[in-house]
Amino acid sequence: MSRYDEWLAVAVAEAEAGLAEGGIPIGGALIGPDGTVLGRGHNRRVQDDDPSMHGETAAFRNAGRQPTYRGTTMVTTLSPCWYCSGLVRQFGISRVVIGEAKTFFGGHEWLAENGVEIVLLEDPRCIELMTDFIAARPELWNEDIGE
């Protein structure tokens, strides 16, 4: 198992926790330059009635203040939306590891064009998690992506 797969497992566990809570199954983790998990979280838009609480923002918030974000990696089960892509750029996060971009193609190409290393895994677990969720809750999914 590669380090990316290990990190993605943290984000997948968060996505599954979010789904079990009745939310949207998107998880994230912020990984330090040395490979330690600084913060982890999942989309809590439904649970917290907060449209800004995406998986990546939850992980970022749970990591707390860092002296710098250079050298860190944001791991997410799904291609980051523009909001979360902006967070990566704003704080200089160096790399984004993405579980999948088949069900939602976010801002990761823009991130790559602006110097962020992108690792797209197209992980079958992540694809199945989102495909099943979108089929079961299309109205909630459309709300989440702003449609």
N, C-alpha and C. Protein backbone atom coordinates (compact mmCIF):
# COMPACT_ATOMS: atom_id res chain seq x y z
N MET A 1 0.85 -1.18 0.00
CA MET A 1 0.00 0.00 0.00
C MET A 1 0.89 1.24 0.00
N SER A 2 0.62 2.14 -0.91
CA SER A 2 1.42 3.37 -1.00
C SER A 2 1.00 4.35 0.10
N ARG A 3 1.83 5.35 0.30
CA ARG A 3 1.47 6.37 1.30
C ARG A 3 0.20 7.09 0.89
N TYR A 4 0.00 7.27 -0.42
CA TYR A 4 -1.24 7.93 -0.86
C TYR A 4 -2.46 7.09 -0.51
N ASP A 5 -2.35 5.78 -0.68
CA ASP A 5 -3.46 4.90 -0.32
C ASP A 5 -3.72 4.94 1.18
N GLU A 6 -2.66 5.00 1.97
CA GLU A 6 -2.81 5.08 3.42
C GLU A 6 -3.51 6.38 3.81
N TRP A 7 -3.10 7.47 3.19
CA TRP A 7 -3.73 8.76 3.49
C TRP A 7 -5.18 8.77 3.03
N LEU A 8 -5.43 8.19 1.84
CA LEU A 8 -6.79 8.16 1.33
C LEU A 8 -7.70 7.34 2.24
N ALA A 9 -7.17 6.30 2.87
CA ALA A 9 -7.97 5.50 3.79
C ALA A 9 -8.52 6.36 4.94
N VAL A 10 -7.75 7.34 5.38
CA VAL A 10 -8.21 8.26 6.43
C VAL A 10 -9.41 9.06 5.91
N ALA A 11 -9.29 9.58 4.70
CA ALA A 11 -10.37 10.38 4.11
C ALA A 11 -11.61 9.52 3.84
N VAL A 12 -11.42 8.29 3.38
CA VAL A 12 -12.56 7.39 3.13
C VAL A 12 -13.28 7.09 4.44
N ALA A 13 -12.54 6.84 5.52
CA ALA A 13 -13.18 6.60 6.81
C ALA A 13 -14.02 7.81 7.23
N GLU A 14 -13.52 9.00 6.95
CA GLU A 14 -14.29 10.21 7.26
C GLU A 14 -15.55 10.29 6.39
N ALA A 15 -15.42 9.98 5.11
CA ALA A 15 -16.58 10.01 4.21
C ALA A 15 -17.65 9.02 4.69
N GLU A 16 -17.22 7.85 5.09
CA GLU A 16 -18.17 6.84 5.58
C GLU A 16 -18.83 7.31 6.88
N ALA A 17 -18.08 7.99 7.73
CA ALA A 17 -18.66 8.53 8.96
C ALA A 17 -19.72 9.58 8.63
N GLY A 18 -19.44 10.44 7.66
CA GLY A 18 -20.40 11.45 7.26
C GLY A 18 -21.68 10.83 6.72
N LEU A 19 -21.54 9.79 5.91
CA LEU A 19 -22.71 9.10 5.37
C LEU A 19 -23.52 8.47 6.49
N ALA A 20 -22.85 7.85 7.46
CA ALA A 20 -23.54 7.23 8.59
C ALA A 20 -24.31 8.25 9.42
N GLU A 21 -23.86 9.49 9.41
CA GLU A 21 -24.54 10.57 10.14
C GLU A 21 -25.68 11.19 9.35
N GLY A 22 -25.91 10.71 8.13
CA GLY A 22 -26.96 11.25 7.28
C GLY A 22 -26.50 12.38 6.38
N GLY A 23 -25.19 12.55 6.28
CA GLY A 23 -24.63 13.63 5.46
C GLY A 23 -24.10 13.15 4.13
N ILE A 24 -23.33 14.01 3.51
CA ILE A 24 -22.76 13.78 2.19
C ILE A 24 -21.41 13.10 2.37
N PRO A 25 -21.17 11.96 1.71
CA PRO A 25 -19.97 11.17 1.96
C PRO A 25 -18.71 11.68 1.26
N ILE A 26 -18.19 12.78 1.75
CA ILE A 26 -16.93 13.32 1.25
C ILE A 26 -16.03 13.55 2.45
N GLY A 27 -14.85 12.96 2.42
CA GLY A 27 -13.94 13.08 3.53
C GLY A 27 -12.62 13.69 3.11
N GLY A 28 -11.90 14.23 4.08
CA GLY A 28 -10.62 14.85 3.79
C GLY A 28 -9.66 14.68 4.95
N ALA A 29 -8.39 14.91 4.64
CA ALA A 29 -7.35 14.90 5.66
C ALA A 29 -6.25 15.85 5.21
N LEU A 30 -5.71 16.60 6.16
CA LEU A 30 -4.54 17.44 5.89
C LEU A 30 -3.34 16.72 6.48
N ILE A 31 -2.36 16.45 5.63
CA ILE A 31 -1.19 15.67 5.99
C ILE A 31 0.03 16.60 6.05
N GLY A 32 0.80 16.46 7.12
CA GLY A 32 2.00 17.27 7.29
C GLY A 32 3.13 16.82 6.38
N PRO A 33 4.14 17.66 6.22
CA PRO A 33 5.29 17.31 5.37
C PRO A 33 5.97 16.00 5.77
N ASP A 34 5.85 15.64 7.05
CA ASP A 34 6.46 14.39 7.52
C ASP A 34 5.53 13.19 7.42
N GLY A 35 4.33 13.39 6.87
CA GLY A 35 3.38 12.29 6.69
C GLY A 35 2.39 12.10 7.82
N THR A 36 2.45 12.93 8.84
CA THR A 36 1.49 12.79 9.94
C THR A 36 0.16 13.46 9.57
N VAL A 37 -0.90 12.91 10.11
CA VAL A 37 -2.22 13.49 9.89
C VAL A 37 -2.36 14.67 10.83
N LEU A 38 -2.45 15.88 10.26
CA LEU A 38 -2.62 17.09 11.05
C LEU A 38 -4.09 17.30 11.43
N GLY A 39 -4.99 16.95 10.51
CA GLY A 39 -6.41 17.12 10.74
C GLY A 39 -7.19 16.26 9.78
N ARG A 40 -8.36 15.87 10.19
CA ARG A 40 -9.24 15.05 9.35
C ARG A 40 -10.67 15.51 9.57
N GLY A 41 -11.52 15.28 8.58
CA GLY A 41 -12.90 15.69 8.71
C GLY A 41 -13.73 15.24 7.54
N HIS A 42 -15.02 15.50 7.63
CA HIS A 42 -15.93 15.14 6.55
C HIS A 42 -16.97 16.24 6.34
N ASN A 43 -17.58 16.17 5.19
CA ASN A 43 -18.61 17.14 4.84
C ASN A 43 -19.69 17.09 5.93
N ARG A 44 -20.00 18.27 6.49
CA ARG A 44 -20.98 18.37 7.57
C ARG A 44 -22.05 19.42 7.24
N ARG A 45 -22.28 19.63 5.95
CA ARG A 45 -23.28 20.62 5.54
C ARG A 45 -24.65 20.32 6.14
N VAL A 46 -25.05 19.06 6.09
CA VAL A 46 -26.36 18.65 6.60
C VAL A 46 -26.36 18.65 8.12
N GLN A 47 -25.37 18.01 8.72
CA GLN A 47 -25.33 17.84 10.16
C GLN A 47 -25.25 19.17 10.91
N ASP A 48 -24.48 20.11 10.38
CA ASP A 48 -24.27 21.40 11.05
C ASP A 48 -25.12 22.53 10.46
N ASP A 49 -25.91 22.22 9.42
CA ASP A 49 -26.69 23.24 8.71
C ASP A 49 -25.76 24.38 8.28
N ASP A 50 -24.58 24.00 7.77
CA ASP A 50 -23.53 24.95 7.42
C ASP A 50 -23.02 24.65 6.01
N PRO A 51 -23.39 25.44 5.02
CA PRO A 51 -22.99 25.15 3.65
C PRO A 51 -21.49 25.26 3.40
N SER A 52 -20.74 25.84 4.33
CA SER A 52 -19.30 25.98 4.13
C SER A 52 -18.50 24.80 4.69
N MET A 53 -19.15 23.86 5.33
CA MET A 53 -18.43 22.78 5.99
C MET A 53 -18.26 21.57 5.06
N HIS A 54 -17.34 21.74 4.12
CA HIS A 54 -17.00 20.66 3.20
C HIS A 54 -15.96 19.75 3.85
N GLY A 55 -15.70 18.60 3.26
CA GLY A 55 -14.73 17.67 3.82
C GLY A 55 -13.35 18.27 3.98
N GLU A 56 -12.91 19.01 2.97
CA GLU A 56 -11.59 19.63 3.02
C GLU A 56 -11.53 20.74 4.06
N THR A 57 -12.58 21.55 4.14
CA THR A 57 -12.56 22.64 5.12
C THR A 57 -12.62 22.09 6.54
N ALA A 58 -13.35 20.99 6.74
CA ALA A 58 -13.40 20.36 8.05
C ALA A 58 -12.02 19.85 8.46
N ALA A 59 -11.33 19.20 7.53
CA ALA A 59 -9.97 18.71 7.82
C ALA A 59 -9.03 19.87 8.12
N PHE A 60 -9.14 20.92 7.33
CA PHE A 60 -8.31 22.10 7.51
C PHE A 60 -8.54 22.74 8.88
N ARG A 61 -9.81 22.91 9.24
CA ARG A 61 -10.14 23.50 10.54
C ARG A 61 -9.66 22.62 11.68
N ASN A 62 -9.82 21.31 11.53
CA ASN A 62 -9.41 20.39 12.59
C ASN A 62 -7.90 20.30 12.74
N ALA A 63 -7.16 20.72 11.73
CA ALA A 63 -5.69 20.74 11.82
C ALA A 63 -5.21 21.89 12.70
N GLY A 64 -6.05 22.89 12.87
CA GLY A 64 -5.64 24.05 13.66
C GLY A 64 -4.62 24.89 12.91
N ARG A 65 -4.20 25.94 13.55
CA ARG A 65 -3.23 26.86 12.94
C ARG A 65 -1.90 26.15 12.74
N GLN A 66 -1.31 26.39 11.59
CA GLN A 66 0.02 25.87 11.27
C GLN A 66 0.89 27.08 10.93
N PRO A 67 2.17 27.03 11.25
CA PRO A 67 3.03 28.16 10.90
C PRO A 67 3.12 28.37 9.39
N THR A 68 3.00 27.28 8.65
CA THR A 68 2.95 27.34 7.18
C THR A 68 2.25 26.08 6.69
N TYR A 69 1.68 26.18 5.51
CA TYR A 69 1.03 25.02 4.90
C TYR A 69 1.86 24.50 3.73
N ARG A 70 2.99 25.13 3.46
CA ARG A 70 3.89 24.65 2.42
C ARG A 70 4.37 23.27 2.80
N GLY A 71 4.35 22.38 1.84
CA GLY A 71 4.79 21.01 2.09
C GLY A 71 3.68 20.10 2.60
N THR A 72 2.49 20.65 2.86
CA THR A 72 1.38 19.81 3.31
C THR A 72 0.62 19.25 2.12
N THR A 73 -0.16 18.23 2.39
CA THR A 73 -0.97 17.56 1.38
C THR A 73 -2.41 17.53 1.85
N MET A 74 -3.32 17.96 0.99
CA MET A 74 -4.75 17.80 1.26
C MET A 74 -5.19 16.53 0.54
N VAL A 75 -5.76 15.62 1.29
CA VAL A 75 -6.29 14.38 0.73
C VAL A 75 -7.80 14.48 0.77
N THR A 76 -8.45 14.16 -0.33
CA THR A 76 -9.90 14.26 -0.40
C THR A 76 -10.45 13.11 -1.22
N THR A 77 -11.61 12.63 -0.85
CA THR A 77 -12.21 11.51 -1.57
C THR A 77 -12.76 11.92 -2.93
N LEU A 78 -12.98 13.22 -3.13
CA LEU A 78 -13.59 13.71 -4.36
C LEU A 78 -12.86 14.96 -4.83
N SER A 79 -12.78 15.14 -6.13
CA SER A 79 -12.14 16.33 -6.69
C SER A 79 -12.67 17.58 -5.99
N PRO A 80 -11.78 18.44 -5.53
CA PRO A 80 -12.24 19.60 -4.74
C PRO A 80 -13.02 20.61 -5.58
N CYS A 81 -14.10 21.10 -5.00
CA CYS A 81 -14.90 22.15 -5.64
C CYS A 81 -14.06 23.43 -5.70
N TRP A 82 -14.62 24.47 -6.30
CA TRP A 82 -13.89 25.75 -6.42
C TRP A 82 -13.62 26.36 -5.05
N TYR A 83 -14.55 26.22 -4.14
CA TYR A 83 -14.39 26.74 -2.79
C TYR A 83 -13.18 26.09 -2.11
N CYS A 84 -13.12 24.78 -2.16
CA CYS A 84 -12.01 24.06 -1.52
C CYS A 84 -10.71 24.22 -2.30
N SER A 85 -10.81 24.34 -3.61
CA SER A 85 -9.62 24.61 -4.41
C SER A 85 -9.04 25.97 -4.04
N GLY A 86 -9.90 26.93 -3.78
CA GLY A 86 -9.44 28.25 -3.33
C GLY A 86 -8.73 28.17 -2.00
N LEU A 87 -9.22 27.34 -1.10
CA LEU A 87 -8.56 27.16 0.20
C LEU A 87 -7.14 26.63 0.00
N VAL A 88 -6.99 25.66 -0.89
CA VAL A 88 -5.66 25.10 -1.18
C VAL A 88 -4.73 26.19 -1.68
N ARG A 89 -5.20 27.00 -2.62
CA ARG A 89 -4.37 28.09 -3.16
C ARG A 89 -4.09 29.16 -2.13
N GLN A 90 -5.12 29.57 -1.40
CA GLN A 90 -4.98 30.66 -0.42
C GLN A 90 -3.88 30.37 0.59
N PHE A 91 -3.81 29.12 1.04
CA PHE A 91 -2.89 28.78 2.11
C PHE A 91 -1.62 28.07 1.62
N GLY A 92 -1.47 27.91 0.33
CA GLY A 92 -0.23 27.36 -0.21
C GLY A 92 -0.02 25.89 0.06
N ILE A 93 -1.10 25.14 0.14
CA ILE A 93 -0.99 23.68 0.28
C ILE A 93 -0.32 23.15 -0.98
N SER A 94 0.68 22.32 -0.81
CA SER A 94 1.55 21.94 -1.93
C SER A 94 1.02 20.83 -2.82
N ARG A 95 0.23 19.92 -2.25
CA ARG A 95 -0.21 18.75 -3.02
C ARG A 95 -1.64 18.43 -2.64
N VAL A 96 -2.40 17.91 -3.62
CA VAL A 96 -3.75 17.41 -3.37
C VAL A 96 -3.82 15.98 -3.91
N VAL A 97 -4.18 15.05 -3.05
CA VAL A 97 -4.42 13.67 -3.44
C VAL A 97 -5.92 13.49 -3.51
N ILE A 98 -6.41 13.05 -4.67
CA ILE A 98 -7.85 12.98 -4.94
C ILE A 98 -8.27 11.53 -5.13
N GLY A 99 -9.28 11.12 -4.39
CA GLY A 99 -9.80 9.76 -4.54
C GLY A 99 -10.42 9.52 -5.89
N GLU A 100 -11.24 10.46 -6.35
CA GLU A 100 -11.86 10.29 -7.67
C GLU A 100 -12.39 11.61 -8.22
N ALA A 101 -12.48 11.65 -9.56
CA ALA A 101 -13.01 12.82 -10.25
C ALA A 101 -14.01 12.40 -11.33
N LYS A 102 -14.53 11.20 -11.22
CA LYS A 102 -15.51 10.73 -12.22
C LYS A 102 -16.91 11.28 -11.94
N THR A 103 -17.32 11.31 -10.68
CA THR A 103 -18.66 11.79 -10.35
C THR A 103 -18.74 13.30 -10.24
N PHE A 104 -17.60 13.94 -10.00
CA PHE A 104 -17.54 15.40 -9.93
C PHE A 104 -16.14 15.84 -10.30
N PHE A 105 -16.06 16.69 -11.31
CA PHE A 105 -14.77 17.19 -11.79
C PHE A 105 -14.64 18.63 -11.31
N GLY A 106 -13.93 18.81 -10.22
CA GLY A 106 -13.81 20.12 -9.60
C GLY A 106 -12.69 20.96 -10.17
N GLY A 107 -11.97 21.65 -9.29
CA GLY A 107 -10.95 22.61 -9.71
C GLY A 107 -9.53 22.09 -9.73
N HIS A 108 -9.35 20.78 -9.80
CA HIS A 108 -7.99 20.27 -9.68
C HIS A 108 -7.09 20.61 -10.88
N GLU A 109 -7.65 20.77 -12.07
CA GLU A 109 -6.80 21.18 -13.20
C GLU A 109 -6.30 22.61 -13.00
N TRP A 110 -7.15 23.48 -12.49
CA TRP A 110 -6.76 24.85 -12.18
C TRP A 110 -5.65 24.86 -11.13
N LEU A 111 -5.78 24.00 -10.13
CA LEU A 111 -4.73 23.91 -9.12
C LEU A 111 -3.41 23.49 -9.75
N ALA A 112 -3.46 22.48 -10.62
CA ALA A 112 -2.24 22.01 -11.29
C ALA A 112 -1.62 23.12 -12.13
N GLU A 113 -2.45 23.89 -12.83
CA GLU A 113 -1.95 25.00 -13.65
C GLU A 113 -1.26 26.06 -12.80
N ASN A 114 -1.58 26.08 -11.52
CA ASN A 114 -1.02 27.07 -10.61
C ASN A 114 -0.01 26.48 -9.63
N GLY A 115 0.61 25.38 -10.03
CA GLY A 115 1.75 24.85 -9.30
C GLY A 115 1.47 23.87 -8.18
N VAL A 116 0.22 23.47 -8.00
CA VAL A 116 -0.10 22.48 -6.97
C VAL A 116 0.06 21.09 -7.59
N GLU A 117 0.78 20.23 -6.92
CA GLU A 117 0.92 18.85 -7.40
C GLU A 117 -0.42 18.13 -7.19
N ILE A 118 -0.90 17.47 -8.22
CA ILE A 118 -2.17 16.75 -8.17
C ILE A 118 -1.89 15.27 -8.36
N VAL A 119 -2.44 14.45 -7.47
CA VAL A 119 -2.37 13.00 -7.59
C VAL A 119 -3.82 12.50 -7.64
N LEU A 120 -4.24 12.03 -8.81
CA LEU A 120 -5.61 11.56 -9.01
C LEU A 120 -5.59 10.04 -9.03
N LEU A 121 -6.22 9.42 -8.04
CA LEU A 121 -6.15 7.97 -7.87
C LEU A 121 -7.26 7.20 -8.58
N GLU A 122 -8.42 7.81 -8.79
CA GLU A 122 -9.60 7.13 -9.34
C GLU A 122 -9.85 5.81 -8.58
N ASP A 123 -9.95 5.95 -7.29
CA ASP A 123 -10.12 4.82 -6.38
C ASP A 123 -11.54 4.24 -6.49
N PRO A 124 -11.67 2.94 -6.72
CA PRO A 124 -13.00 2.33 -6.87
C PRO A 124 -13.91 2.53 -5.67
N ARG A 125 -13.36 2.51 -4.44
CA ARG A 125 -14.19 2.73 -3.24
C ARG A 125 -14.82 4.11 -3.27
N CYS A 126 -14.02 5.11 -3.64
CA CYS A 126 -14.53 6.48 -3.67
C CYS A 126 -15.59 6.65 -4.75
N ILE A 127 -15.35 6.05 -5.91
CA ILE A 127 -16.32 6.14 -7.01
C ILE A 127 -17.63 5.50 -6.60
N GLU A 128 -17.57 4.31 -6.00
CA GLU A 128 -18.78 3.61 -5.59
C GLU A 128 -19.53 4.38 -4.50
N LEU A 129 -18.80 4.92 -3.55
CA LEU A 129 -19.41 5.69 -2.47
C LEU A 129 -20.23 6.85 -3.02
N MET A 130 -19.65 7.61 -3.95
CA MET A 130 -20.36 8.77 -4.50
C MET A 130 -21.45 8.36 -5.48
N THR A 131 -21.19 7.35 -6.31
CA THR A 131 -22.20 6.90 -7.26
C THR A 131 -23.45 6.43 -6.53
N ASP A 132 -23.26 5.63 -5.49
CA ASP A 132 -24.40 5.15 -4.71
C ASP A 132 -25.13 6.29 -4.02
N PHE A 133 -24.38 7.25 -3.47
CA PHE A 133 -25.01 8.37 -2.79
C PHE A 133 -25.81 9.23 -3.77
N ILE A 134 -25.23 9.55 -4.92
CA ILE A 134 -25.91 10.39 -5.90
C ILE A 134 -27.20 9.73 -6.37
N ALA A 135 -27.17 8.40 -6.56
CA ALA A 135 -28.38 7.68 -6.98
C ALA A 135 -29.45 7.71 -5.88
N ALA A 136 -29.03 7.60 -4.63
CA ALA A 136 -29.97 7.55 -3.51
C ALA A 136 -30.50 8.93 -3.11
N ARG A 137 -29.67 9.97 -3.23
CA ARG A 137 -30.03 11.30 -2.73
C ARG A 137 -29.71 12.39 -3.76
N PRO A 138 -30.26 12.32 -4.96
CA PRO A 138 -29.89 13.30 -5.99
C PRO A 138 -30.21 14.74 -5.59
N GLU A 139 -31.27 14.96 -4.83
CA GLU A 139 -31.62 16.33 -4.43
C GLU A 139 -30.57 16.91 -3.48
N LEU A 140 -30.07 16.11 -2.57
CA LEU A 140 -29.04 16.57 -1.65
C LEU A 140 -27.72 16.79 -2.38
N TRP A 141 -27.39 15.91 -3.31
CA TRP A 141 -26.18 16.07 -4.12
C TRP A 141 -26.25 17.35 -4.92
N ASN A 142 -27.37 17.60 -5.58
CA ASN A 142 -27.52 18.82 -6.39
C ASN A 142 -27.42 20.06 -5.52
N GLU A 143 -27.94 20.01 -4.32
CA GLU A 143 -27.80 21.13 -3.38
C GLU A 143 -26.32 21.35 -3.06
N ASP A 144 -25.61 20.26 -2.82
CA ASP A 144 -24.19 20.36 -2.43
C ASP A 144 -23.35 20.98 -3.52
N ILE A 145 -23.65 20.67 -4.78
CA ILE A 145 -22.84 21.20 -5.88
C ILE A 145 -23.43 22.48 -6.47
N GLY A 146 -24.49 22.98 -5.84
CA GLY A 146 -25.04 24.27 -6.25
C GLY A 146 -25.90 24.22 -7.50
N GLU A 147 -26.57 23.13 -7.73
CA GLU A 147 -27.45 23.02 -8.92
C GLU A 147 -28.89 23.04 -8.55
